[in-house]
Amino acid sequence: MSEQESVATAPRPQGRYIPAVVHDGIAYSAGMTPRHDGVLTVTGVVGRDLDIPRAREAAGVAARNAIAAIAAAVGGTAAISRCLRMSVFVACAPDFRELSAVADGASDVLVECLGVDALPVRSAIGVYALPSGAPVEIELTVAVSA
């Protein structure tokens, strides 16, 4: 799969921020939700409105957007030398406990786009709500080559 096929177009900010910042060899993405062309592709609360497979898919879309934001800031995915940290926020029902299963959808996309050696440390965090009713939001931190 070519880089263009595996990485989405850099997302447009949905507020007053930029999609990615690069500083001293580290790139940070803004929180990315499952949007395509600025439109949220899925909404709802995981464990109430969405099942795990649909939430994993949404996490994958959000992760692809995070990679795209960073790739746009650094000149392509070839400049990403290592993913360092990924935070996966999941808007979920109070009794939902399968946060890691949802976050695996994002990890799967990192492997698909950047390879298994790019896997970072990861947090999966359950939250009450996310922007625009998104079920997931991804933040990605990567090391980049000069």
N, C-alpha and C. Protein backbone atom coordinates (compact mmCIF):
# COMPACT_ATOMS: atom_id res chain seq x y z
N MET A 1 0.84 -1.17 0.00
CA MET A 1 0.00 0.00 0.00
C MET A 1 0.89 1.24 0.00
N SER A 2 0.61 2.18 -0.87
CA SER A 2 1.42 3.39 -0.92
C SER A 2 1.05 4.32 0.22
N GLU A 3 1.95 5.27 0.49
CA GLU A 3 1.69 6.24 1.56
C GLU A 3 0.39 6.99 1.31
N GLN A 4 0.12 7.38 0.05
CA GLN A 4 -1.09 8.12 -0.26
C GLN A 4 -2.34 7.30 0.01
N GLU A 5 -2.30 6.00 -0.24
CA GLU A 5 -3.46 5.16 -0.01
C GLU A 5 -3.70 4.91 1.46
N SER A 6 -2.63 4.85 2.26
CA SER A 6 -2.78 4.46 3.65
C SER A 6 -3.00 5.62 4.60
N VAL A 7 -2.69 6.85 4.18
CA VAL A 7 -2.81 8.00 5.06
C VAL A 7 -3.83 8.97 4.48
N ALA A 8 -4.72 9.42 5.34
CA ALA A 8 -5.76 10.36 4.94
C ALA A 8 -5.16 11.73 4.63
N THR A 9 -5.96 12.58 4.02
CA THR A 9 -5.58 13.97 3.83
C THR A 9 -5.56 14.64 5.19
N ALA A 10 -4.63 15.55 5.40
CA ALA A 10 -4.54 16.25 6.69
C ALA A 10 -5.89 16.91 7.01
N PRO A 11 -6.39 16.68 8.20
CA PRO A 11 -7.70 17.21 8.57
C PRO A 11 -7.68 18.72 8.80
N ARG A 12 -8.81 19.34 8.53
CA ARG A 12 -8.99 20.76 8.81
C ARG A 12 -9.30 20.93 10.30
N PRO A 13 -8.72 21.93 10.94
CA PRO A 13 -9.06 22.18 12.35
C PRO A 13 -10.54 22.49 12.50
N GLN A 14 -11.12 22.04 13.58
CA GLN A 14 -12.53 22.28 13.88
C GLN A 14 -12.69 23.42 14.88
N GLY A 15 -11.60 24.11 15.16
CA GLY A 15 -11.60 25.22 16.10
C GLY A 15 -10.34 26.04 15.90
N ARG A 16 -9.98 26.75 16.93
CA ARG A 16 -8.82 27.65 16.85
C ARG A 16 -7.56 26.94 17.34
N TYR A 17 -6.99 26.12 16.51
CA TYR A 17 -5.77 25.37 16.79
C TYR A 17 -5.18 24.92 15.47
N ILE A 18 -4.00 24.32 15.51
CA ILE A 18 -3.43 23.73 14.30
C ILE A 18 -3.39 22.22 14.48
N PRO A 19 -3.41 21.46 13.38
CA PRO A 19 -3.49 20.00 13.48
C PRO A 19 -2.26 19.33 14.08
N ALA A 20 -1.08 19.93 13.90
CA ALA A 20 0.14 19.31 14.44
C ALA A 20 1.20 20.38 14.66
N VAL A 21 2.04 20.11 15.65
CA VAL A 21 3.17 20.97 15.97
C VAL A 21 4.42 20.11 16.00
N VAL A 22 5.51 20.64 15.42
CA VAL A 22 6.80 19.95 15.45
C VAL A 22 7.76 20.84 16.22
N HIS A 23 8.46 20.22 17.19
CA HIS A 23 9.43 20.97 17.99
C HIS A 23 10.54 20.03 18.45
N ASP A 24 11.78 20.40 18.15
CA ASP A 24 12.95 19.64 18.60
C ASP A 24 12.86 18.14 18.30
N GLY A 25 12.45 17.81 17.08
CA GLY A 25 12.43 16.41 16.67
C GLY A 25 11.23 15.61 17.15
N ILE A 26 10.27 16.27 17.77
CA ILE A 26 9.04 15.61 18.23
C ILE A 26 7.86 16.30 17.57
N ALA A 27 6.91 15.51 17.07
CA ALA A 27 5.68 16.04 16.49
C ALA A 27 4.50 15.59 17.34
N TYR A 28 3.60 16.51 17.57
CA TYR A 28 2.41 16.27 18.39
C TYR A 28 1.18 16.55 17.55
N SER A 29 0.24 15.63 17.54
CA SER A 29 -1.01 15.92 16.84
C SER A 29 -1.99 16.54 17.83
N ALA A 30 -2.90 17.32 17.29
CA ALA A 30 -4.06 17.75 18.07
C ALA A 30 -4.93 16.51 18.28
N GLY A 31 -5.91 16.61 19.12
CA GLY A 31 -6.87 15.52 19.27
C GLY A 31 -7.65 15.36 17.99
N MET A 32 -7.66 14.14 17.46
CA MET A 32 -8.33 13.86 16.19
C MET A 32 -9.51 12.93 16.41
N THR A 33 -10.61 13.29 15.79
CA THR A 33 -11.83 12.49 15.86
C THR A 33 -12.03 11.79 14.51
N PRO A 34 -12.99 10.90 14.41
CA PRO A 34 -13.21 10.18 13.14
C PRO A 34 -13.95 11.04 12.12
N ARG A 35 -13.21 11.93 11.48
CA ARG A 35 -13.77 12.82 10.46
C ARG A 35 -13.21 12.48 9.09
N HIS A 36 -14.03 12.71 8.11
CA HIS A 36 -13.61 12.59 6.71
C HIS A 36 -14.07 13.87 6.02
N ASP A 37 -13.13 14.60 5.43
CA ASP A 37 -13.44 15.88 4.79
C ASP A 37 -14.18 16.81 5.75
N GLY A 38 -13.78 16.81 7.01
CA GLY A 38 -14.35 17.70 8.00
C GLY A 38 -15.67 17.25 8.59
N VAL A 39 -16.19 16.13 8.13
CA VAL A 39 -17.48 15.64 8.60
C VAL A 39 -17.27 14.44 9.52
N LEU A 40 -17.85 14.51 10.69
CA LEU A 40 -17.77 13.40 11.63
C LEU A 40 -18.49 12.19 11.04
N THR A 41 -17.79 11.06 10.94
CA THR A 41 -18.35 9.88 10.27
C THR A 41 -19.21 9.02 11.19
N VAL A 42 -19.05 9.19 12.47
CA VAL A 42 -19.83 8.43 13.43
C VAL A 42 -19.92 9.23 14.72
N THR A 43 -21.07 9.14 15.38
CA THR A 43 -21.26 9.79 16.67
C THR A 43 -21.84 8.77 17.64
N GLY A 44 -21.81 9.12 18.90
CA GLY A 44 -22.46 8.27 19.89
C GLY A 44 -21.54 7.87 21.02
N VAL A 45 -22.14 7.20 21.96
CA VAL A 45 -21.45 6.74 23.16
C VAL A 45 -21.21 5.24 23.03
N VAL A 46 -19.96 4.85 23.21
CA VAL A 46 -19.59 3.44 23.08
C VAL A 46 -20.18 2.67 24.27
N GLY A 47 -20.76 1.52 23.96
CA GLY A 47 -21.41 0.72 24.99
C GLY A 47 -22.87 1.08 25.19
N ARG A 48 -23.31 2.13 24.54
CA ARG A 48 -24.72 2.51 24.56
C ARG A 48 -25.24 2.61 23.13
N ASP A 49 -24.60 3.47 22.31
CA ASP A 49 -25.03 3.68 20.93
C ASP A 49 -24.20 2.90 19.92
N LEU A 50 -22.97 2.58 20.31
CA LEU A 50 -22.03 1.91 19.40
C LEU A 50 -21.48 0.66 20.05
N ASP A 51 -21.30 -0.38 19.23
CA ASP A 51 -20.64 -1.59 19.72
C ASP A 51 -19.13 -1.48 19.52
N ILE A 52 -18.40 -2.45 20.02
CA ILE A 52 -16.93 -2.40 19.96
C ILE A 52 -16.42 -2.39 18.52
N PRO A 53 -16.91 -3.24 17.61
CA PRO A 53 -16.37 -3.18 16.24
C PRO A 53 -16.52 -1.80 15.58
N ARG A 54 -17.66 -1.16 15.76
CA ARG A 54 -17.87 0.17 15.17
C ARG A 54 -16.97 1.20 15.85
N ALA A 55 -16.79 1.09 17.15
CA ALA A 55 -15.91 2.02 17.88
C ALA A 55 -14.45 1.82 17.47
N ARG A 56 -14.04 0.57 17.27
CA ARG A 56 -12.67 0.29 16.80
C ARG A 56 -12.44 0.93 15.43
N GLU A 57 -13.42 0.82 14.56
CA GLU A 57 -13.32 1.42 13.24
C GLU A 57 -13.18 2.95 13.36
N ALA A 58 -13.98 3.55 14.23
CA ALA A 58 -13.90 5.00 14.44
C ALA A 58 -12.52 5.39 14.99
N ALA A 59 -11.98 4.58 15.89
CA ALA A 59 -10.64 4.85 16.43
C ALA A 59 -9.59 4.78 15.32
N GLY A 60 -9.77 3.86 14.39
CA GLY A 60 -8.86 3.76 13.26
C GLY A 60 -8.90 4.99 12.37
N VAL A 61 -10.09 5.50 12.11
CA VAL A 61 -10.23 6.71 11.29
C VAL A 61 -9.55 7.89 12.01
N ALA A 62 -9.77 8.01 13.30
CA ALA A 62 -9.16 9.10 14.07
C ALA A 62 -7.63 8.98 14.07
N ALA A 63 -7.12 7.77 14.21
CA ALA A 63 -5.67 7.56 14.18
C ALA A 63 -5.09 7.91 12.82
N ARG A 64 -5.79 7.54 11.76
CA ARG A 64 -5.34 7.88 10.41
C ARG A 64 -5.29 9.40 10.25
N ASN A 65 -6.24 10.11 10.84
CA ASN A 65 -6.23 11.58 10.79
C ASN A 65 -5.05 12.14 11.57
N ALA A 66 -4.71 11.54 12.71
CA ALA A 66 -3.56 12.01 13.49
C ALA A 66 -2.26 11.81 12.71
N ILE A 67 -2.13 10.66 12.07
CA ILE A 67 -0.95 10.41 11.24
C ILE A 67 -0.89 11.41 10.10
N ALA A 68 -2.02 11.67 9.47
CA ALA A 68 -2.07 12.61 8.34
C ALA A 68 -1.68 14.01 8.78
N ALA A 69 -2.15 14.43 9.95
CA ALA A 69 -1.81 15.77 10.45
C ALA A 69 -0.31 15.89 10.66
N ILE A 70 0.29 14.88 11.26
CA ILE A 70 1.73 14.90 11.50
C ILE A 70 2.48 14.80 10.18
N ALA A 71 2.06 13.90 9.30
CA ALA A 71 2.73 13.74 8.00
C ALA A 71 2.73 15.06 7.22
N ALA A 72 1.63 15.79 7.27
CA ALA A 72 1.56 17.08 6.58
C ALA A 72 2.55 18.08 7.17
N ALA A 73 2.76 17.99 8.47
CA ALA A 73 3.66 18.94 9.14
C ALA A 73 5.13 18.61 8.93
N VAL A 74 5.44 17.34 8.63
CA VAL A 74 6.85 16.92 8.53
C VAL A 74 7.26 16.49 7.13
N GLY A 75 6.36 16.58 6.17
CA GLY A 75 6.71 16.23 4.80
C GLY A 75 6.50 14.79 4.43
N GLY A 76 5.62 14.10 5.10
CA GLY A 76 5.28 12.71 4.76
C GLY A 76 5.60 11.74 5.87
N THR A 77 5.05 10.55 5.74
CA THR A 77 5.25 9.54 6.80
C THR A 77 6.68 9.03 6.87
N ALA A 78 7.46 9.19 5.80
CA ALA A 78 8.85 8.74 5.83
C ALA A 78 9.66 9.48 6.89
N ALA A 79 9.23 10.68 7.26
CA ALA A 79 9.94 11.46 8.27
C ALA A 79 9.60 11.02 9.69
N ILE A 80 8.58 10.16 9.84
CA ILE A 80 8.22 9.66 11.17
C ILE A 80 9.15 8.50 11.50
N SER A 81 10.01 8.71 12.49
CA SER A 81 10.96 7.65 12.82
C SER A 81 10.44 6.71 13.91
N ARG A 82 9.54 7.18 14.75
CA ARG A 82 9.01 6.32 15.81
C ARG A 82 7.81 6.98 16.44
N CYS A 83 6.73 6.23 16.64
CA CYS A 83 5.61 6.71 17.44
C CYS A 83 6.01 6.54 18.91
N LEU A 84 5.78 7.57 19.69
CA LEU A 84 6.19 7.53 21.09
C LEU A 84 5.03 7.29 22.03
N ARG A 85 3.94 8.00 21.83
CA ARG A 85 2.81 7.90 22.74
C ARG A 85 1.51 8.15 22.00
N MET A 86 0.49 7.37 22.36
CA MET A 86 -0.85 7.59 21.81
C MET A 86 -1.83 7.57 22.97
N SER A 87 -2.67 8.60 23.01
CA SER A 87 -3.76 8.64 23.98
C SER A 87 -5.06 8.45 23.21
N VAL A 88 -5.88 7.54 23.69
CA VAL A 88 -7.15 7.22 23.05
C VAL A 88 -8.25 7.53 24.06
N PHE A 89 -9.04 8.53 23.76
CA PHE A 89 -10.15 8.92 24.62
C PHE A 89 -11.42 8.30 24.04
N VAL A 90 -12.19 7.64 24.87
CA VAL A 90 -13.39 6.94 24.42
C VAL A 90 -14.59 7.49 25.19
N ALA A 91 -15.54 8.08 24.48
CA ALA A 91 -16.80 8.51 25.10
C ALA A 91 -17.62 7.24 25.31
N CYS A 92 -17.81 6.86 26.56
CA CYS A 92 -18.41 5.55 26.80
C CYS A 92 -19.44 5.59 27.93
N ALA A 93 -20.29 4.59 27.91
CA ALA A 93 -21.28 4.40 28.96
C ALA A 93 -20.55 4.15 30.28
N PRO A 94 -21.16 4.50 31.40
CA PRO A 94 -20.49 4.35 32.70
C PRO A 94 -20.01 2.93 33.02
N ASP A 95 -20.69 1.93 32.51
CA ASP A 95 -20.30 0.55 32.81
C ASP A 95 -19.44 -0.10 31.72
N PHE A 96 -19.01 0.68 30.72
CA PHE A 96 -18.19 0.14 29.64
C PHE A 96 -16.75 0.00 30.10
N ARG A 97 -16.17 -1.18 29.92
CA ARG A 97 -14.82 -1.45 30.42
C ARG A 97 -13.84 -1.89 29.33
N GLU A 98 -14.27 -2.04 28.11
CA GLU A 98 -13.43 -2.58 27.03
C GLU A 98 -12.69 -1.48 26.27
N LEU A 99 -12.13 -0.54 27.00
CA LEU A 99 -11.44 0.59 26.39
C LEU A 99 -10.26 0.15 25.53
N SER A 100 -9.50 -0.83 26.01
CA SER A 100 -8.35 -1.30 25.23
C SER A 100 -8.78 -1.93 23.91
N ALA A 101 -9.91 -2.60 23.89
CA ALA A 101 -10.40 -3.19 22.64
C ALA A 101 -10.71 -2.11 21.61
N VAL A 102 -11.26 -0.99 22.06
CA VAL A 102 -11.52 0.13 21.15
C VAL A 102 -10.20 0.73 20.68
N ALA A 103 -9.28 0.96 21.61
CA ALA A 103 -7.99 1.57 21.28
C ALA A 103 -7.19 0.71 20.31
N ASP A 104 -7.40 -0.60 20.33
CA ASP A 104 -6.70 -1.48 19.39
C ASP A 104 -7.00 -1.11 17.94
N GLY A 105 -8.17 -0.53 17.68
CA GLY A 105 -8.47 -0.08 16.32
C GLY A 105 -7.51 0.99 15.85
N ALA A 106 -7.12 1.87 16.76
CA ALA A 106 -6.13 2.91 16.44
C ALA A 106 -4.75 2.29 16.27
N SER A 107 -4.39 1.37 17.16
CA SER A 107 -3.09 0.70 17.05
C SER A 107 -2.97 -0.06 15.74
N ASP A 108 -4.04 -0.71 15.33
CA ASP A 108 -4.02 -1.45 14.07
C ASP A 108 -3.70 -0.53 12.88
N VAL A 109 -4.23 0.68 12.90
CA VAL A 109 -3.96 1.63 11.81
C VAL A 109 -2.50 2.10 11.86
N LEU A 110 -1.95 2.30 13.05
CA LEU A 110 -0.53 2.67 13.14
C LEU A 110 0.33 1.58 12.50
N VAL A 111 0.03 0.33 12.80
CA VAL A 111 0.79 -0.78 12.22
C VAL A 111 0.61 -0.80 10.71
N GLU A 112 -0.62 -0.62 10.23
CA GLU A 112 -0.90 -0.63 8.80
C GLU A 112 -0.13 0.48 8.07
N CYS A 113 -0.09 1.67 8.66
CA CYS A 113 0.51 2.83 8.00
C CYS A 113 2.02 2.94 8.22
N LEU A 114 2.49 2.52 9.40
CA LEU A 114 3.88 2.79 9.77
C LEU A 114 4.69 1.55 10.13
N GLY A 115 4.04 0.42 10.29
CA GLY A 115 4.74 -0.81 10.64
C GLY A 115 4.66 -1.13 12.12
N VAL A 116 4.84 -2.40 12.45
CA VAL A 116 4.69 -2.85 13.83
C VAL A 116 5.72 -2.22 14.76
N ASP A 117 6.89 -1.89 14.24
CA ASP A 117 7.92 -1.27 15.07
C ASP A 117 7.56 0.16 15.47
N ALA A 118 6.55 0.73 14.87
CA ALA A 118 6.14 2.10 15.20
C ALA A 118 5.18 2.15 16.39
N LEU A 119 4.71 1.00 16.86
CA LEU A 119 3.74 1.03 17.97
C LEU A 119 4.30 1.79 19.16
N PRO A 120 3.48 2.69 19.74
CA PRO A 120 3.91 3.49 20.88
C PRO A 120 3.41 2.91 22.20
N VAL A 121 3.77 3.57 23.29
CA VAL A 121 3.05 3.33 24.53
C VAL A 121 1.67 3.95 24.33
N ARG A 122 0.69 3.50 25.13
CA ARG A 122 -0.68 3.93 24.86
C ARG A 122 -1.48 4.02 26.14
N SER A 123 -2.37 4.98 26.17
CA SER A 123 -3.37 5.08 27.23
C SER A 123 -4.74 5.02 26.58
N ALA A 124 -5.67 4.32 27.22
CA ALA A 124 -7.06 4.29 26.78
C ALA A 124 -7.90 4.81 27.94
N ILE A 125 -8.60 5.91 27.72
CA ILE A 125 -9.24 6.65 28.80
C ILE A 125 -10.72 6.82 28.49
N GLY A 126 -11.56 6.40 29.39
CA GLY A 126 -12.99 6.60 29.24
C GLY A 126 -13.40 7.99 29.70
N VAL A 127 -14.21 8.66 28.88
CA VAL A 127 -14.66 10.01 29.20
C VAL A 127 -16.17 10.12 29.00
N TYR A 128 -16.73 11.18 29.55
CA TYR A 128 -18.16 11.42 29.46
C TYR A 128 -18.59 11.86 28.06
N ALA A 129 -17.83 12.80 27.46
CA ALA A 129 -18.20 13.34 26.15
C ALA A 129 -16.97 13.82 25.42
N LEU A 130 -17.07 13.86 24.08
CA LEU A 130 -16.01 14.36 23.21
C LEU A 130 -16.59 15.37 22.23
N PRO A 131 -15.76 16.17 21.56
CA PRO A 131 -16.26 17.20 20.66
C PRO A 131 -17.25 16.68 19.61
N SER A 132 -18.32 17.41 19.44
CA SER A 132 -19.34 17.14 18.43
C SER A 132 -20.01 15.78 18.58
N GLY A 133 -19.87 15.14 19.73
CA GLY A 133 -20.48 13.83 19.94
C GLY A 133 -19.66 12.69 19.40
N ALA A 134 -18.37 12.93 19.11
CA ALA A 134 -17.50 11.86 18.60
C ALA A 134 -17.36 10.76 19.65
N PRO A 135 -17.27 9.50 19.21
CA PRO A 135 -17.09 8.40 20.15
C PRO A 135 -15.64 8.23 20.61
N VAL A 136 -14.69 8.70 19.80
CA VAL A 136 -13.26 8.56 20.14
C VAL A 136 -12.50 9.81 19.71
N GLU A 137 -11.38 10.03 20.39
CA GLU A 137 -10.45 11.09 20.01
C GLU A 137 -9.04 10.56 20.27
N ILE A 138 -8.14 10.79 19.32
CA ILE A 138 -6.78 10.27 19.37
C ILE A 138 -5.79 11.43 19.42
N GLU A 139 -4.79 11.34 20.30
CA GLU A 139 -3.64 12.23 20.30
C GLU A 139 -2.42 11.38 20.06
N LEU A 140 -1.53 11.83 19.19
CA LEU A 140 -0.35 11.06 18.83
C LEU A 140 0.89 11.93 18.97
N THR A 141 1.93 11.35 19.55
CA THR A 141 3.24 12.00 19.67
C THR A 141 4.26 11.11 18.99
N VAL A 142 5.06 11.69 18.08
CA VAL A 142 6.04 10.89 17.34
C VAL A 142 7.39 11.59 17.30
N ALA A 143 8.44 10.78 17.15
CA ALA A 143 9.76 11.31 16.87
C ALA A 143 9.90 11.42 15.36
N VAL A 144 10.50 12.52 14.90
CA VAL A 144 10.66 12.72 13.46
C VAL A 144 12.13 12.94 13.13
N SER A 145 12.49 12.55 11.92
CA SER A 145 13.86 12.76 11.46
C SER A 145 13.97 14.12 10.80
N ALA A 146 15.16 14.65 10.81
CA ALA A 146 15.38 15.99 10.24
C ALA A 146 15.41 15.94 8.73
